[in-house]
């Protein structure tokens, strides 16, 4: 619906049989943990993400994983990291202290500002890193800017080994529904294996949540939801009007829907 001052209301039917398809990334990153969305507690969903992530860690590394401490990247990943630490029977610690006067680096314009913003935003508690095998848990790895700086900060604080675990799958595709990701070339997971990503970040290992596990974690709290908008992970765009070109950029095709207008004078 488009409403313009002193002009007719314009409405477009974009789908003749709409169904609820929530954005999966909302539950991981954007929403506050005290939010309720579509009958789902974001906090409880994030705890379930942490449990699923712990299962992935144990499948990959086994019980003898060598992790000494689990440290969250504040703030959004705290519930995830807390539950993950509990499930692998290792201590959860606060290793990064956040400067609350710095905006989210993920949405800052330009790579230079994002890199600078990470160091301005976070400081380390060095005693939680020194001489330890540390697992950092974040909600996602998008461009890799924040993750690279965090790994470097953990090393500078004396970490012996750094594992970086993402509560999301690899973000491989551009987003068109509100996030500032316009091209695949921006994304660290595009055309790279987890081992190559770990090498680029400077980490010993990088581990990603499986998409099915992420969907199951959220859906378990409201089984009525059958599908999620997960295009940044899967490359499947629910509006069917987006085409990914060979250069990694998006092409929009016209929505095959009817356009109607009505006068609001009598509304």
Protein backbone atom coordinates (compact mmCIF):
# COMPACT_ATOMS: atom_id res chain seq x y z
CA UNK A 1 0.00 0.00 0.00
CA UNK A 2 1.34 3.43 -0.98
CA UNK A 3 -0.15 6.49 0.69
CA UNK A 4 0.89 9.91 -0.64
CA UNK A 5 -0.26 13.35 0.60
CA UNK A 6 -3.29 14.66 -1.29
CA UNK A 7 -3.14 11.81 -3.78
CA UNK A 8 -4.98 8.56 -4.29
CA UNK A 9 -4.11 5.49 -2.28
CA UNK A 10 -2.35 2.91 -4.43
CA UNK A 11 -2.56 -0.76 -3.53
CA UNK A 12 -1.07 -3.79 -5.19
CA UNK A 13 -1.97 -7.43 -4.69
CA UNK A 14 1.42 -9.15 -4.74
CA UNK A 15 0.10 -12.64 -4.16
CA UNK A 16 -3.31 -14.17 -4.63
CA UNK A 17 -2.85 -16.69 -1.81
CA UNK A 18 -0.62 -15.12 0.88
CA UNK A 19 0.74 -17.20 3.73
CA UNK A 20 2.84 -16.34 6.75
CA UNK A 21 6.53 -16.73 5.92
CA UNK A 22 8.54 -14.95 8.66
CA UNK A 23 12.09 -13.76 8.13
CA UNK A 24 14.40 -16.26 9.82
CA UNK A 25 17.11 -13.64 10.37
CA UNK A 26 14.73 -11.66 12.59
CA UNK A 27 14.90 -14.35 15.26
CA UNK A 28 18.69 -14.62 15.08
CA UNK A 29 19.80 -11.02 14.90
CA UNK A 30 17.33 -8.16 14.65
CA UNK A 31 14.75 -8.82 17.36
CA UNK A 32 15.22 -8.18 21.05
CA UNK A 33 15.23 -11.35 23.16
CA UNK A 34 12.16 -10.16 25.10
CA UNK A 35 10.12 -9.95 21.87
CA UNK A 36 7.25 -12.21 20.89
CA UNK A 37 6.94 -12.68 17.13
CA UNK A 38 4.31 -14.85 15.49
CA UNK A 39 3.67 -16.58 18.78
CA UNK A 40 7.38 -17.32 19.28
CA UNK A 41 9.53 -16.07 22.15
CA UNK A 42 12.75 -14.80 20.56
CA UNK A 43 14.65 -15.63 23.75
CA UNK A 44 13.42 -19.23 23.79
CA UNK A 45 14.17 -19.56 20.08
CA UNK A 46 17.73 -18.38 20.69
CA UNK A 47 18.17 -20.86 23.53
CA UNK A 48 17.09 -23.60 21.15
CA UNK A 49 19.57 -22.29 18.57
CA UNK A 50 22.27 -22.64 21.21
CA UNK A 51 21.24 -26.24 21.89
CA UNK A 52 21.31 -27.08 18.18
CA UNK A 53 24.70 -25.38 17.80
CA UNK A 54 26.09 -27.43 20.70
CA UNK A 55 24.93 -30.62 18.98
CA UNK A 56 26.75 -29.55 15.82
CA UNK A 57 29.92 -28.88 17.82
CA UNK A 58 29.79 -32.30 19.44
CA UNK A 59 29.17 -33.97 16.08
CA UNK A 60 32.18 -32.23 14.57
CA UNK A 61 34.69 -32.29 17.42
CA UNK A 62 33.34 -34.99 19.75
CA UNK A 63 33.25 -34.85 23.54
CA UNK A 64 37.00 -34.24 23.60
CA UNK A 65 36.65 -30.91 21.80
CA UNK A 66 39.31 -29.12 23.83
CA UNK A 67 37.24 -25.96 24.37
CA UNK A 68 38.02 -24.27 27.68
CA UNK A 69 35.51 -21.43 27.65
CA UNK A 70 32.56 -20.13 25.60
CA UNK A 71 32.41 -16.38 25.04
CA UNK A 72 29.50 -14.56 23.43
CA UNK A 73 29.80 -11.64 21.05
CA UNK A 74 27.47 -9.12 22.71
CA UNK A 75 24.62 -8.59 22.69
CA UNK A 76 22.44 -10.70 20.42
CA UNK A 77 24.34 -13.97 20.78
CA UNK A 78 24.32 -14.11 24.59
CA UNK A 79 21.34 -16.49 25.01
CA UNK A 80 22.71 -18.67 22.20
CA UNK A 81 26.20 -18.88 23.69
CA UNK A 82 24.87 -19.43 27.21
CA UNK A 83 22.80 -22.46 26.20
CA UNK A 84 25.57 -23.77 23.97
CA UNK A 85 28.06 -23.64 26.85
CA UNK A 86 25.61 -25.43 29.13
CA UNK A 87 25.05 -28.22 26.59
CA UNK A 88 28.76 -28.87 25.99
CA UNK A 89 29.41 -28.64 29.75
CA UNK A 90 31.87 -25.76 29.56
CA UNK A 91 31.87 -22.40 31.36
CA UNK A 92 30.23 -19.37 29.79
CA UNK A 93 32.15 -16.15 30.30
CA UNK A 94 31.80 -12.49 29.37
CA UNK A 95 35.00 -11.73 27.48
CA UNK A 96 33.92 -8.65 25.52
CA UNK A 97 32.62 -5.47 27.10
CA UNK A 98 30.50 -3.31 24.86
CA UNK A 99 30.62 0.44 24.42
CA UNK A 100 26.92 1.24 24.20
CA UNK A 101 27.48 4.56 22.46
CA UNK A 102 28.63 2.96 19.21
CA UNK A 103 26.04 1.90 16.59
CA UNK A 104 25.79 -1.60 15.15
CA UNK A 105 28.78 -2.09 12.87
CA UNK A 106 26.84 -4.48 10.62
CA UNK A 107 24.79 -1.58 9.21
CA UNK A 108 27.59 0.99 9.03
CA UNK A 109 28.28 2.24 5.48
CA UNK A 110 31.69 1.21 4.18
CA UNK A 111 34.21 -1.44 5.18
CA UNK A 112 36.64 1.01 6.79
CA UNK A 113 33.99 2.36 9.16
CA UNK A 114 32.85 -1.14 10.05
CA UNK A 115 36.39 -2.28 10.92
CA UNK A 116 37.05 0.83 12.98
CA UNK A 117 33.68 0.52 14.67
CA UNK A 118 34.38 -2.97 16.01
CA UNK A 119 37.47 -1.85 17.93
CA UNK A 120 35.60 1.20 19.23
CA UNK A 121 32.61 -0.89 20.25
CA UNK A 122 34.28 -3.74 22.15
CA UNK A 123 37.05 -4.20 24.69
CA UNK A 124 38.36 -7.53 26.00
CA UNK A 125 38.63 -8.90 29.53
CA UNK A 126 42.08 -10.38 29.01
CA UNK A 127 41.94 -12.87 31.88
CA UNK A 128 39.11 -14.72 30.12
CA UNK A 129 41.28 -15.31 27.04
CA UNK A 130 44.85 -15.74 28.24
CA UNK A 131 46.19 -19.25 27.67
CA UNK A 132 42.76 -20.70 26.84
CA UNK A 133 41.12 -22.47 23.94
CA UNK A 134 38.26 -20.08 23.35
CA UNK A 135 35.05 -20.56 21.38
CA UNK A 136 33.50 -17.28 20.27
CA UNK A 137 29.77 -17.48 19.49
CA UNK A 138 28.09 -14.91 17.29
CA UNK A 139 24.65 -14.78 15.71
CA UNK A 140 26.07 -14.72 12.17
CA UNK A 141 29.07 -14.02 9.96
CA UNK A 142 28.12 -11.74 7.08
CA UNK A 143 30.97 -9.73 5.59
CA UNK A 144 33.51 -11.06 8.10
CA UNK A 145 34.55 -7.60 9.26
CA UNK A 146 33.45 -8.03 12.86
CA UNK A 147 34.57 -11.65 13.07
CA UNK A 148 38.08 -10.84 11.79
CA UNK A 149 38.55 -8.11 14.38
CA UNK A 150 37.14 -10.28 17.17
CA UNK A 151 39.52 -13.14 16.40
CA UNK A 152 42.43 -10.68 16.34
CA UNK A 153 41.31 -9.20 19.67
CA UNK A 154 41.07 -12.67 21.20
CA UNK A 155 44.61 -13.47 19.99
CA UNK A 156 45.88 -10.13 21.32
CA UNK A 157 44.32 -10.95 24.70
CA UNK A 158 46.33 -14.20 24.81
CA UNK A 159 43.95 -16.87 23.49
CA UNK A 160 45.80 -20.08 22.67
CA UNK A 161 43.19 -21.27 20.18
CA UNK A 162 40.13 -19.56 18.69
CA UNK A 163 37.07 -21.36 17.36
CA UNK A 164 34.38 -19.13 15.85
CA UNK A 165 30.84 -20.55 15.90
CA UNK A 166 27.96 -18.94 14.05
CA UNK A 167 24.36 -19.51 15.12
CA UNK A 168 23.39 -18.97 11.48
CA UNK A 169 24.31 -20.88 8.34
CA UNK A 170 26.66 -19.30 5.82
CA UNK A 171 25.24 -16.01 4.49
CA UNK A 172 25.89 -16.56 0.78
CA UNK A 173 23.25 -14.49 -1.02
CA UNK A 174 22.22 -10.82 -1.21
CA UNK A 175 19.17 -9.61 0.66
CA UNK A 176 16.35 -7.56 -0.83
CA UNK A 177 13.92 -7.39 2.05
CA UNK A 178 15.48 -4.71 4.22
CA UNK A 179 19.13 -5.59 4.96
CA UNK A 180 21.97 -3.71 3.29
CA UNK A 181 23.48 -6.60 1.33
CA UNK A 182 23.35 -5.85 -2.36
CA UNK A 183 26.01 -8.14 -3.84
CA UNK A 184 27.50 -11.58 -3.22
CA UNK A 185 31.00 -10.13 -3.46
CA UNK A 186 30.46 -8.52 -0.04
CA UNK A 187 29.87 -11.86 1.66
CA UNK A 188 32.76 -13.78 3.17
CA UNK A 189 30.98 -17.14 2.74
CA UNK A 190 30.44 -16.66 -0.98
CA UNK A 191 32.51 -19.22 -2.88
CA UNK A 192 34.47 -20.22 0.25
CA UNK A 193 34.53 -23.36 2.38
CA UNK A 194 34.45 -23.13 6.19
CA UNK A 195 38.18 -23.90 6.19
CA UNK A 196 38.87 -21.02 3.80
CA UNK A 197 36.69 -18.72 5.90
CA UNK A 198 38.60 -19.72 9.05
CA UNK A 199 41.87 -18.94 7.30
CA UNK A 200 40.60 -15.53 6.20
CA UNK A 201 39.34 -14.70 9.70
CA UNK A 202 42.53 -15.94 11.35
CA UNK A 203 40.62 -18.53 13.40
CA UNK A 204 41.61 -22.14 14.03
CA UNK A 205 38.13 -23.36 13.11
CA UNK A 206 34.85 -21.86 11.93
CA UNK A 207 31.58 -23.67 12.47
CA UNK A 208 28.14 -22.78 11.07
CA UNK A 209 24.67 -23.81 12.17
CA UNK A 210 22.83 -25.98 9.64
CA UNK A 211 19.85 -24.26 7.98
CA UNK A 212 17.52 -27.14 8.86
CA UNK A 213 18.57 -26.93 12.51
CA UNK A 214 18.00 -23.17 12.58
CA UNK A 215 14.54 -23.54 11.07
CA UNK A 216 13.69 -26.40 13.43
CA UNK A 217 14.84 -24.35 16.44
CA UNK A 218 12.37 -21.57 15.63
CA UNK A 219 9.57 -23.78 14.32
CA UNK A 220 9.64 -25.93 17.46
CA UNK A 221 8.00 -23.04 19.31
CA UNK A 222 5.22 -22.62 16.74
CA UNK A 223 4.72 -25.69 14.52
CA UNK A 224 2.03 -23.83 12.54
CA UNK A 225 4.79 -22.00 10.63
CA UNK A 226 5.76 -24.23 7.74
CA UNK A 227 8.19 -21.96 5.87
CA UNK A 228 10.62 -19.14 6.55
CA UNK A 229 12.12 -16.40 4.44
CA UNK A 230 15.74 -17.54 4.42
CA UNK A 231 17.03 -16.17 1.10
CA UNK A 232 20.37 -14.98 2.51
CA UNK A 233 21.15 -18.60 3.37
CA UNK A 234 19.37 -20.51 0.61
CA UNK A 235 19.19 -18.09 -2.34
CA UNK A 236 15.46 -18.80 -2.65
CA UNK A 237 13.46 -15.53 -2.80
CA UNK A 238 9.84 -15.96 -1.77
CA UNK A 239 8.45 -13.17 -3.96
CA UNK A 240 9.67 -14.88 -7.15
CA UNK A 241 10.62 -11.53 -8.68
CA UNK A 242 14.34 -11.63 -7.91
CA UNK A 243 17.01 -13.10 -10.19
CA UNK A 244 20.64 -13.49 -9.14
CA UNK A 245 22.88 -12.49 -12.05
CA UNK A 246 26.30 -13.88 -12.95
CA UNK A 247 28.05 -10.87 -11.38
CA UNK A 248 26.46 -11.66 -8.02
CA UNK A 249 24.05 -8.74 -8.17
CA UNK A 250 20.28 -8.87 -8.16
CA UNK A 251 17.86 -8.20 -10.98
CA UNK A 252 14.26 -7.36 -10.14
CA UNK A 253 11.50 -8.49 -12.46
CA UNK A 254 8.00 -6.97 -12.44
CA UNK A 255 5.58 -8.45 -9.96
CA UNK A 256 2.88 -10.23 -11.92
CA UNK A 257 0.07 -8.77 -9.89
CA UNK A 258 -2.85 -6.51 -10.42
CA UNK A 259 -2.62 -2.84 -9.58
CA UNK A 260 -5.61 -1.03 -8.26
CA UNK A 261 -6.23 2.38 -6.79
CA UNK A 262 -9.00 3.79 -4.69
CA UNK A 263 -9.87 7.21 -3.43
CA UNK A 264 -9.51 7.81 0.30
CA UNK A 265 -11.88 10.78 0.36
CA UNK A 266 -14.64 8.75 1.98
CA UNK A 267 -12.32 6.74 4.26
